[in-house]
């Protein structure tokens, strides 16, 4: 499977709280190729920083990538940044 590449803003899962879990929304055209609207493990890159994380349904037919603080620090990015991601579902590569 070819890696999925997309650009997304890092945001809080719960925007009202402005704290907690950070995520990046996966564009709709990539939901089916990554495996659909289900939680699953992925590996990928933000720039040259490699990571292992999870994607999960985010409601309304959306899928979101969990973006940990360690991932953000390794890539030199933060909340509100528009970032280039590359991901592959573990077990589908």
PDB file of N, CA and C in Angstrom:
ATOM      1  N   UNK A   1       0.838  -1.194   0.000  1.00  0.00           N
ATOM      2  CA  UNK A   1       0.000   0.000   0.000  1.00  0.00           C
ATOM      3  C   UNK A   1       0.874   1.245   0.000  1.00  0.00           C
ATOM      4  N   UNK A   2       0.563   2.174  -0.882  1.00  0.00           N
ATOM      5  CA  UNK A   2       1.272   3.451  -0.933  1.00  0.00           C
ATOM      6  C   UNK A   2       0.906   4.287   0.295  1.00  0.00           C
ATOM      7  N   UNK A   3       1.868   5.003   0.849  1.00  0.00           N
ATOM      8  CA  UNK A   3       1.543   5.895   1.971  1.00  0.00           C
ATOM      9  C   UNK A   3       0.523   6.947   1.546  1.00  0.00           C
ATOM     10  N   UNK A   4      -0.301   7.344   2.483  1.00  0.00           N
ATOM     11  CA  UNK A   4      -1.288   8.402   2.252  1.00  0.00           C
ATOM     12  C   UNK A   4      -0.670   9.711   2.721  1.00  0.00           C
ATOM     13  N   UNK A   5      -0.682  10.696   1.840  1.00  0.00           N
ATOM     14  CA  UNK A   5      -0.118  12.001   2.166  1.00  0.00           C
ATOM     15  C   UNK A   5      -1.234  13.036   2.181  1.00  0.00           C
ATOM     16  N   UNK A   6      -1.222  13.872   3.211  1.00  0.00           N
ATOM     17  CA  UNK A   6      -2.240  14.913   3.312  1.00  0.00           C
ATOM     18  C   UNK A   6      -1.727  16.057   4.170  1.00  0.00           C
ATOM     19  N   UNK A   7      -2.408  17.166   4.075  1.00  0.00           N
ATOM     20  CA  UNK A   7      -2.087  18.364   4.859  1.00  0.00           C
ATOM     21  C   UNK A   7      -3.274  18.656   5.761  1.00  0.00           C
ATOM     22  N   UNK A   8      -2.991  18.913   7.034  1.00  0.00           N
ATOM     23  CA  UNK A   8      -4.070  19.171   7.984  1.00  0.00           C
ATOM     24  C   UNK A   8      -3.555  20.017   9.142  1.00  0.00           C
ATOM     25  N   UNK A   9      -4.476  20.753   9.750  1.00  0.00           N
ATOM     26  CA  UNK A   9      -4.155  21.559  10.928  1.00  0.00           C
ATOM     27  C   UNK A   9      -4.224  20.689  12.173  1.00  0.00           C
ATOM     28  N   UNK A  10      -3.262  20.854  13.060  1.00  0.00           N
ATOM     29  CA  UNK A  10      -3.310  20.178  14.356  1.00  0.00           C
ATOM     30  C   UNK A  10      -4.271  20.968  15.236  1.00  0.00           C
ATOM     31  N   UNK A  11      -5.280  20.275  15.780  1.00  0.00           N
ATOM     32  CA  UNK A  11      -6.315  20.943  16.577  1.00  0.00           C
ATOM     33  C   UNK A  11      -6.628  20.092  17.798  1.00  0.00           C
ATOM     34  N   UNK A  12      -7.320  20.721  18.756  1.00  0.00           N
ATOM     35  CA  UNK A  12      -7.801  19.965  19.912  1.00  0.00           C
ATOM     36  C   UNK A  12      -9.018  19.147  19.519  1.00  0.00           C
ATOM     37  N   UNK A  13      -9.094  17.920  20.027  1.00  0.00           N
ATOM     38  CA  UNK A  13     -10.257  17.058  19.788  1.00  0.00           C
ATOM     39  C   UNK A  13     -11.521  17.784  20.213  1.00  0.00           C
ATOM     40  N   UNK A  14     -11.476  18.367  21.406  1.00  0.00           N
ATOM     41  CA  UNK A  14     -12.605  19.135  21.928  1.00  0.00           C
ATOM     42  C   UNK A  14     -12.224  20.611  21.895  1.00  0.00           C
ATOM     43  N   UNK A  15     -12.611  21.282  20.835  1.00  0.00           N
ATOM     44  CA  UNK A  15     -12.208  22.675  20.637  1.00  0.00           C
ATOM     45  C   UNK A  15     -12.690  23.600  21.747  1.00  0.00           C
ATOM     46  N   UNK A  16     -13.819  23.275  22.367  1.00  0.00           N
ATOM     47  CA  UNK A  16     -14.360  24.118  23.435  1.00  0.00           C
ATOM     48  C   UNK A  16     -13.455  24.153  24.657  1.00  0.00           C
ATOM     49  N   UNK A  17     -12.798  23.035  24.962  1.00  0.00           N
ATOM     50  CA  UNK A  17     -11.932  22.960  26.138  1.00  0.00           C
ATOM     51  C   UNK A  17     -10.554  23.561  25.899  1.00  0.00           C
ATOM     52  N   UNK A  18     -10.108  23.595  24.641  1.00  0.00           N
ATOM     53  CA  UNK A  18      -8.775  24.085  24.290  1.00  0.00           C
ATOM     54  C   UNK A  18      -7.671  23.412  25.101  1.00  0.00           C
ATOM     55  N   UNK A  19      -7.865  22.112  25.329  1.00  0.00           N
ATOM     56  CA  UNK A  19      -6.841  21.311  25.999  1.00  0.00           C
ATOM     57  C   UNK A  19      -7.121  19.843  25.710  1.00  0.00           C
ATOM     58  N   UNK A  20      -6.182  19.008  26.072  1.00  0.00           N
ATOM     59  CA  UNK A  20      -6.371  17.573  25.897  1.00  0.00           C
ATOM     60  C   UNK A  20      -5.826  17.051  24.583  1.00  0.00           C
ATOM     61  N   UNK A  21      -6.483  16.026  24.056  1.00  0.00           N
ATOM     62  CA  UNK A  21      -6.031  15.299  22.876  1.00  0.00           C
ATOM     63  C   UNK A  21      -5.893  16.204  21.652  1.00  0.00           C
ATOM     64  N   UNK A  22      -4.745  16.098  20.995  1.00  0.00           N
ATOM     65  CA  UNK A  22      -4.509  16.818  19.736  1.00  0.00           C
ATOM     66  C   UNK A  22      -4.720  15.843  18.580  1.00  0.00           C
ATOM     67  N   UNK A  23      -5.366  16.326  17.528  1.00  0.00           N
ATOM     68  CA  UNK A  23      -5.651  15.496  16.355  1.00  0.00           C
ATOM     69  C   UNK A  23      -5.442  16.308  15.077  1.00  0.00           C
ATOM     70  N   UNK A  24      -5.371  15.564  13.969  1.00  0.00           N
ATOM     71  CA  UNK A  24      -5.354  16.160  12.632  1.00  0.00           C
ATOM     72  C   UNK A  24      -6.408  15.419  11.824  1.00  0.00           C
ATOM     73  N   UNK A  25      -7.308  16.163  11.184  1.00  0.00           N
ATOM     74  CA  UNK A  25      -8.367  15.540  10.392  1.00  0.00           C
ATOM     75  C   UNK A  25      -7.804  15.002   9.086  1.00  0.00           C
ATOM     76  N   UNK A  26      -8.204  13.777   8.747  1.00  0.00           N
ATOM     77  CA  UNK A  26      -7.789  13.139   7.505  1.00  0.00           C
ATOM     78  C   UNK A  26      -8.822  13.490   6.442  1.00  0.00           C
ATOM     79  N   UNK A  27      -8.393  14.023   5.299  1.00  0.00           N
ATOM     80  CA  UNK A  27      -9.345  14.402   4.249  1.00  0.00           C
ATOM     81  C   UNK A  27     -10.224  13.215   3.824  1.00  0.00           C
ATOM     82  N   UNK A  28     -11.488  13.485   3.505  1.00  0.00           N
ATOM     83  CA  UNK A  28     -12.451  12.425   3.185  1.00  0.00           C
ATOM     84  C   UNK A  28     -11.997  11.450   2.100  1.00  0.00           C
ATOM     85  N   UNK A  29     -11.249  11.935   1.109  1.00  0.00           N
ATOM     86  CA  UNK A  29     -10.826  11.041   0.028  1.00  0.00           C
ATOM     87  C   UNK A  29      -9.819   9.986   0.474  1.00  0.00           C
ATOM     88  N   UNK A  30      -9.267  10.131   1.686  1.00  0.00           N
ATOM     89  CA  UNK A  30      -8.299   9.160   2.196  1.00  0.00           C
ATOM     90  C   UNK A  30      -8.898   8.183   3.211  1.00  0.00           C
ATOM     91  N   UNK A  31     -10.155   8.369   3.591  1.00  0.00           N
ATOM     92  CA  UNK A  31     -10.777   7.510   4.613  1.00  0.00           C
ATOM     93  C   UNK A  31     -10.862   6.058   4.136  1.00  0.00           C
ATOM     94  N   UNK A  32     -11.416   5.810   2.955  1.00  0.00           N
ATOM     95  CA  UNK A  32     -11.538   4.432   2.448  1.00  0.00           C
ATOM     96  C   UNK A  32     -10.173   3.782   2.222  1.00  0.00           C
ATOM     97  N   UNK A  33      -9.218   4.450   1.568  1.00  0.00           N
ATOM     98  CA  UNK A  33      -7.922   3.807   1.347  1.00  0.00           C
ATOM     99  C   UNK A  33      -7.175   3.429   2.622  1.00  0.00           C
ATOM    100  N   UNK A  34      -7.375   4.172   3.716  1.00  0.00           N
ATOM    101  CA  UNK A  34      -6.674   3.846   4.961  1.00  0.00           C
ATOM    102  C   UNK A  34      -7.377   2.705   5.709  1.00  0.00           C
ATOM    103  N   UNK A  35      -8.611   2.377   5.310  1.00  0.00           N
ATOM    104  CA  UNK A  35      -9.308   1.257   5.950  1.00  0.00           C
ATOM    105  C   UNK A  35     -10.682   1.588   6.466  1.00  0.00           C
ATOM    106  N   UNK A  36     -11.173   2.796   6.190  1.00  0.00           N
ATOM    107  CA  UNK A  36     -12.530   3.156   6.594  1.00  0.00           C
ATOM    108  C   UNK A  36     -12.613   3.823   7.950  1.00  0.00           C
ATOM    109  N   UNK A  37     -13.854   4.015   8.387  1.00  0.00           N
ATOM    110  CA  UNK A  37     -14.123   4.722   9.640  1.00  0.00           C
ATOM    111  C   UNK A  37     -14.021   3.786  10.830  1.00  0.00           C
ATOM    112  N   UNK A  38     -12.794   3.427  11.180  1.00  0.00           N
ATOM    113  CA  UNK A  38     -12.566   2.578  12.352  1.00  0.00           C
ATOM    114  C   UNK A  38     -11.247   2.969  12.999  1.00  0.00           C
ATOM    115  N   UNK A  39     -11.138   2.677  14.271  1.00  0.00           N
ATOM    116  CA  UNK A  39      -9.891   2.958  14.975  1.00  0.00           C
ATOM    117  C   UNK A  39      -8.862   1.918  14.551  1.00  0.00           C
ATOM    118  N   UNK A  40      -7.656   2.386  14.241  1.00  0.00           N
ATOM    119  CA  UNK A  40      -6.581   1.475  13.859  1.00  0.00           C
ATOM    120  C   UNK A  40      -5.232   2.148  14.045  1.00  0.00           C
ATOM    121  N   UNK A  41      -4.209   1.332  14.160  1.00  0.00           N
ATOM    122  CA  UNK A  41      -2.849   1.829  14.322  1.00  0.00           C
ATOM    123  C   UNK A  41      -2.278   2.199  12.956  1.00  0.00           C
ATOM    124  N   UNK A  42      -1.473   3.260  12.958  1.00  0.00           N
ATOM    125  CA  UNK A  42      -0.792   3.702  11.745  1.00  0.00           C
ATOM    126  C   UNK A  42       0.655   4.050  12.087  1.00  0.00           C
ATOM    127  N   UNK A  43       1.474   4.048  11.078  1.00  0.00           N
ATOM    128  CA  UNK A  43       2.830   4.579  11.213  1.00  0.00           C
ATOM    129  C   UNK A  43       2.968   5.653  10.148  1.00  0.00           C
ATOM    130  N   UNK A  44       3.879   6.590  10.398  1.00  0.00           N
ATOM    131  CA  UNK A  44       4.010   7.651   9.421  1.00  0.00           C
ATOM    132  C   UNK A  44       5.124   8.611   9.732  1.00  0.00           C
ATOM    133  N   UNK A  45       5.023   9.787   9.094  1.00  0.00           N
ATOM    134  CA  UNK A  45       6.031  10.829   9.245  1.00  0.00           C
ATOM    135  C   UNK A  45       5.375  12.198   9.237  1.00  0.00           C
ATOM    136  N   UNK A  46       5.958  13.076  10.032  1.00  0.00           N
ATOM    137  CA  UNK A  46       5.709  14.512   9.934  1.00  0.00           C
ATOM    138  C   UNK A  46       7.083  15.054   9.561  1.00  0.00           C
ATOM    139  N   UNK A  47       7.256  15.443   8.314  1.00  0.00           N
ATOM    140  CA  UNK A  47       8.590  15.820   7.853  1.00  0.00           C
ATOM    141  C   UNK A  47       9.506  14.611   7.956  1.00  0.00           C
ATOM    142  N   UNK A  48      10.622  14.753   8.659  1.00  0.00           N
ATOM    143  CA  UNK A  48      11.552  13.631   8.820  1.00  0.00           C
ATOM    144  C   UNK A  48      11.317  12.863  10.117  1.00  0.00           C
ATOM    145  N   UNK A  49      10.348  13.296  10.931  1.00  0.00           N
ATOM    146  CA  UNK A  49      10.077  12.663  12.228  1.00  0.00           C
ATOM    147  C   UNK A  49       9.095  11.500  12.065  1.00  0.00           C
ATOM    148  N   UNK A  50       9.573  10.286  12.309  1.00  0.00           N
ATOM    149  CA  UNK A  50       8.735   9.089  12.205  1.00  0.00           C
ATOM    150  C   UNK A  50       7.899   8.930  13.474  1.00  0.00           C
ATOM    151  N   UNK A  51       6.716   8.316  13.325  1.00  0.00           N
ATOM    152  CA  UNK A  51       5.842   8.079  14.474  1.00  0.00           C
ATOM    153  C   UNK A  51       4.984   6.841  14.266  1.00  0.00           C
ATOM    154  N   UNK A  52       4.427   6.348  15.366  1.00  0.00           N
ATOM    155  CA  UNK A  52       3.366   5.343  15.368  1.00  0.00           C
ATOM    156  C   UNK A  52       2.238   5.955  16.180  1.00  0.00           C
ATOM    157  N   UNK A  53       1.016   5.888  15.662  1.00  0.00           N
ATOM    158  CA  UNK A  53      -0.123   6.518  16.320  1.00  0.00           C
ATOM    159  C   UNK A  53      -1.392   5.755  15.968  1.00  0.00           C
ATOM    160  N   UNK A  54      -2.540   6.391  16.182  1.00  0.00           N
ATOM    161  CA  UNK A  54      -3.840   5.806  15.861  1.00  0.00           C
ATOM    162  C   UNK A  54      -4.689   6.800  15.090  1.00  0.00           C
ATOM    163  N   UNK A  55      -5.547   6.253  14.225  1.00  0.00           N
ATOM    164  CA  UNK A  55      -6.613   7.051  13.623  1.00  0.00           C
ATOM    165  C   UNK A  55      -7.912   6.575  14.243  1.00  0.00           C
ATOM    166  N   UNK A  56      -8.901   7.478  14.317  1.00  0.00           N
ATOM    167  CA  UNK A  56     -10.166   7.136  14.964  1.00  0.00           C
ATOM    168  C   UNK A  56     -11.296   7.926  14.331  1.00  0.00           C
ATOM    169  N   UNK A  57     -12.517   7.370  14.362  1.00  0.00           N
ATOM    170  CA  UNK A  57     -13.671   8.132  13.865  1.00  0.00           C
ATOM    171  C   UNK A  57     -13.836   9.406  14.693  1.00  0.00           C
ATOM    172  N   UNK A  58     -14.146  10.507  13.991  1.00  0.00           N
ATOM    173  CA  UNK A  58     -14.293  11.803  14.662  1.00  0.00           C
ATOM    174  C   UNK A  58     -15.700  12.361  14.510  1.00  0.00           C
ATOM    175  N   UNK A  59     -16.648  11.521  14.078  1.00  0.00           N
ATOM    176  CA  UNK A  59     -18.024  11.963  13.899  1.00  0.00           C
ATOM    177  C   UNK A  59     -18.237  12.607  12.544  1.00  0.00           C
ATOM    178  N   UNK A  60     -19.452  12.528  12.044  1.00  0.00           N
ATOM    179  CA  UNK A  60     -19.800  13.155  10.778  1.00  0.00           C
ATOM    180  C   UNK A  60     -19.057  12.598   9.585  1.00  0.00           C
ATOM    181  N   UNK A  61     -18.670  11.319   9.654  1.00  0.00           N
ATOM    182  CA  UNK A  61     -17.954  10.699   8.544  1.00  0.00           C
ATOM    183  C   UNK A  61     -16.491  11.082   8.468  1.00  0.00           C
ATOM    184  N   UNK A  62     -15.968  11.689   9.527  1.00  0.00           N
ATOM    185  CA  UNK A  62     -14.570  12.127   9.574  1.00  0.00           C
ATOM    186  C   UNK A  62     -13.701  11.092  10.273  1.00  0.00           C
ATOM    187  N   UNK A  63     -12.434  11.092   9.916  1.00  0.00           N
ATOM    188  CA  UNK A  63     -11.421  10.270  10.562  1.00  0.00           C
ATOM    189  C   UNK A  63     -10.323  11.215  11.023  1.00  0.00           C
ATOM    190  N   UNK A  64      -9.790  11.001  12.225  1.00  0.00           N
ATOM    191  CA  UNK A  64      -8.766  11.884  12.772  1.00  0.00           C
ATOM    192  C   UNK A  64      -7.555  11.081  13.216  1.00  0.00           C
ATOM    193  N   UNK A  65      -6.388  11.676  13.055  1.00  0.00           N
ATOM    194  CA  UNK A  65      -5.117  11.110  13.490  1.00  0.00           C
ATOM    195  C   UNK A  65      -4.756  11.720  14.836  1.00  0.00           C
ATOM    196  N   UNK A  66      -4.469  10.883  15.817  1.00  0.00           N
ATOM    197  CA  UNK A  66      -4.008  11.373  17.116  1.00  0.00           C
ATOM    198  C   UNK A  66      -2.571  11.880  16.961  1.00  0.00           C
ATOM    199  N   UNK A  67      -2.309  13.112  17.449  1.00  0.00           N
ATOM    200  CA  UNK A  67      -0.997  13.743  17.311  1.00  0.00           C
ATOM    201  C   UNK A  67      -0.464  14.048  18.715  1.00  0.00           C
ATOM    202  N   UNK A  68       0.378  13.161  19.233  1.00  0.00           N
ATOM    203  CA  UNK A  68       0.873  13.304  20.602  1.00  0.00           C
ATOM    204  C   UNK A  68       1.841  14.479  20.737  1.00  0.00           C
ATOM    205  N   UNK A  69       2.072  14.888  21.984  1.00  0.00           N
ATOM    206  CA  UNK A  69       3.043  15.953  22.248  1.00  0.00           C
ATOM    207  C   UNK A  69       4.430  15.532  21.771  1.00  0.00           C
ATOM    208  N   UNK A  70       4.764  14.251  21.954  1.00  0.00           N
ATOM    209  CA  UNK A  70       6.072  13.755  21.505  1.00  0.00           C
ATOM    210  C   UNK A  70       6.205  13.873  19.988  1.00  0.00           C
ATOM    211  N   UNK A  71       5.138  13.569  19.261  1.00  0.00           N
ATOM    212  CA  UNK A  71       5.151  13.714  17.799  1.00  0.00           C
ATOM    213  C   UNK A  71       5.360  15.172  17.417  1.00  0.00           C
ATOM    214  N   UNK A  72       4.642  16.060  18.089  1.00  0.00           N
ATOM    215  CA  UNK A  72       4.755  17.488  17.791  1.00  0.00           C
ATOM    216  C   UNK A  72       6.168  17.997  18.067  1.00  0.00           C
ATOM    217  N   UNK A  73       6.723  17.615  19.205  1.00  0.00           N
ATOM    218  CA  UNK A  73       8.065  18.069  19.565  1.00  0.00           C
ATOM    219  C   UNK A  73       9.109  17.532  18.598  1.00  0.00           C
ATOM    220  N   UNK A  74       9.012  16.265  18.221  1.00  0.00           N
ATOM    221  CA  UNK A  74       9.987  15.658  17.303  1.00  0.00           C
ATOM    222  C   UNK A  74       9.982  16.351  15.946  1.00  0.00           C
ATOM    223  N   UNK A  75       8.809  16.817  15.520  1.00  0.00           N
ATOM    224  CA  UNK A  75       8.677  17.461  14.209  1.00  0.00           C
ATOM    225  C   UNK A  75       8.792  18.979  14.272  1.00  0.00           C
ATOM    226  N   UNK A  76       8.843  19.533  15.480  1.00  0.00           N
ATOM    227  CA  UNK A  76       8.930  20.984  15.628  1.00  0.00           C
ATOM    228  C   UNK A  76       7.663  21.712  15.207  1.00  0.00           C
ATOM    229  N   UNK A  77       6.512  21.090  15.506  1.00  0.00           N
ATOM    230  CA  UNK A  77       5.213  21.684  15.162  1.00  0.00           C
ATOM    231  C   UNK A  77       4.366  21.783  16.417  1.00  0.00           C
ATOM    232  N   UNK A  78       3.235  22.488  16.314  1.00  0.00           N
ATOM    233  CA  UNK A  78       2.380  22.634  17.483  1.00  0.00           C
ATOM    234  C   UNK A  78       0.931  22.869  17.104  1.00  0.00           C
ATOM    235  N   UNK A  79       0.111  23.100  18.113  1.00  0.00           N
ATOM    236  CA  UNK A  79      -1.311  23.326  17.925  1.00  0.00           C
ATOM    237  C   UNK A  79      -1.547  24.485  16.961  1.00  0.00           C
ATOM    238  N   UNK A  80      -2.460  24.281  16.025  1.00  0.00           N
ATOM    239  CA  UNK A  80      -2.805  25.308  15.064  1.00  0.00           C
ATOM    240  C   UNK A  80      -1.938  25.319  13.817  1.00  0.00           C
ATOM    241  N   UNK A  81      -0.848  24.545  13.817  1.00  0.00           N
ATOM    242  CA  UNK A  81       0.023  24.496  12.640  1.00  0.00           C
ATOM    243  C   UNK A  81      -0.599  23.644  11.538  1.00  0.00           C
ATOM    244  N   UNK A  82      -0.421  24.072  10.312  1.00  0.00           N
ATOM    245  CA  UNK A  82      -0.832  23.308   9.136  1.00  0.00           C
ATOM    246  C   UNK A  82       0.368  22.451   8.751  1.00  0.00           C
ATOM    247  N   UNK A  83       0.174  21.129   8.776  1.00  0.00           N
ATOM    248  CA  UNK A  83       1.292  20.197   8.692  1.00  0.00           C
ATOM    249  C   UNK A  83       1.073  19.174   7.578  1.00  0.00           C
ATOM    250  N   UNK A  84       2.166  18.744   6.946  1.00  0.00           N
ATOM    251  CA  UNK A  84       2.147  17.666   5.949  1.00  0.00           C
ATOM    252  C   UNK A  84       2.369  16.344   6.685  1.00  0.00           C
ATOM    253  N   UNK A  85       1.414  15.419   6.519  1.00  0.00           N
ATOM    254  CA  UNK A  85       1.491  14.094   7.136  1.00  0.00           C
ATOM    255  C   UNK A  85       1.632  13.033   6.059  1.00  0.00           C
ATOM    256  N   UNK A  86       2.252  11.926   6.434  1.00  0.00           N
ATOM    257  CA  UNK A  86       2.299  10.728   5.600  1.00  0.00           C
ATOM    258  C   UNK A  86       1.985   9.563   6.527  1.00  0.00           C
ATOM    259  N   UNK A  87       0.971   8.755   6.193  1.00  0.00           N
ATOM    260  CA  UNK A  87       0.605   7.629   7.061  1.00  0.00           C
ATOM    261  C   UNK A  87       0.342   6.361   6.255  1.00  0.00           C
ATOM    262  N   UNK A  88       0.553   5.223   6.904  1.00  0.00           N
ATOM    263  CA  UNK A  88       0.222   3.902   6.369  1.00  0.00           C
ATOM    264  C   UNK A  88      -0.377   3.099   7.506  1.00  0.00           C
ATOM    265  N   UNK A  89      -1.483   2.428   7.244  1.00  0.00           N
ATOM    266  CA  UNK A  89      -2.097   1.576   8.274  1.00  0.00           C
ATOM    267  C   UNK A  89      -1.178   0.403   8.556  1.00  0.00           C
ATOM    268  N   UNK A  90      -0.943   0.111   9.818  1.00  0.00           N
ATOM    269  CA  UNK A  90      -0.115  -1.025  10.199  1.00  0.00           C
ATOM    270  C   UNK A  90      -0.872  -2.304   9.837  1.00  0.00           C
ATOM    271  N   UNK A  91      -0.179  -3.204   9.142  1.00  0.00           N
ATOM    272  CA  UNK A  91      -0.823  -4.435   8.691  1.00  0.00           C
ATOM    273  C   UNK A  91      -1.368  -4.336   7.281  1.00  0.00           C
ATOM    274  N   UNK A  92      -1.346  -3.131   6.696  1.00  0.00           N
ATOM    275  CA  UNK A  92      -1.830  -2.953   5.327  1.00  0.00           C
ATOM    276  C   UNK A  92      -0.697  -2.524   4.403  1.00  0.00           C
ATOM    277  N   UNK A  93       0.532  -2.537   4.914  1.00  0.00           N
ATOM    278  CA  UNK A  93       1.659  -2.088   4.077  1.00  0.00           C
ATOM    279  C   UNK A  93       2.404  -3.246   3.461  1.00  0.00           C
TER     280      UNK A  93
END
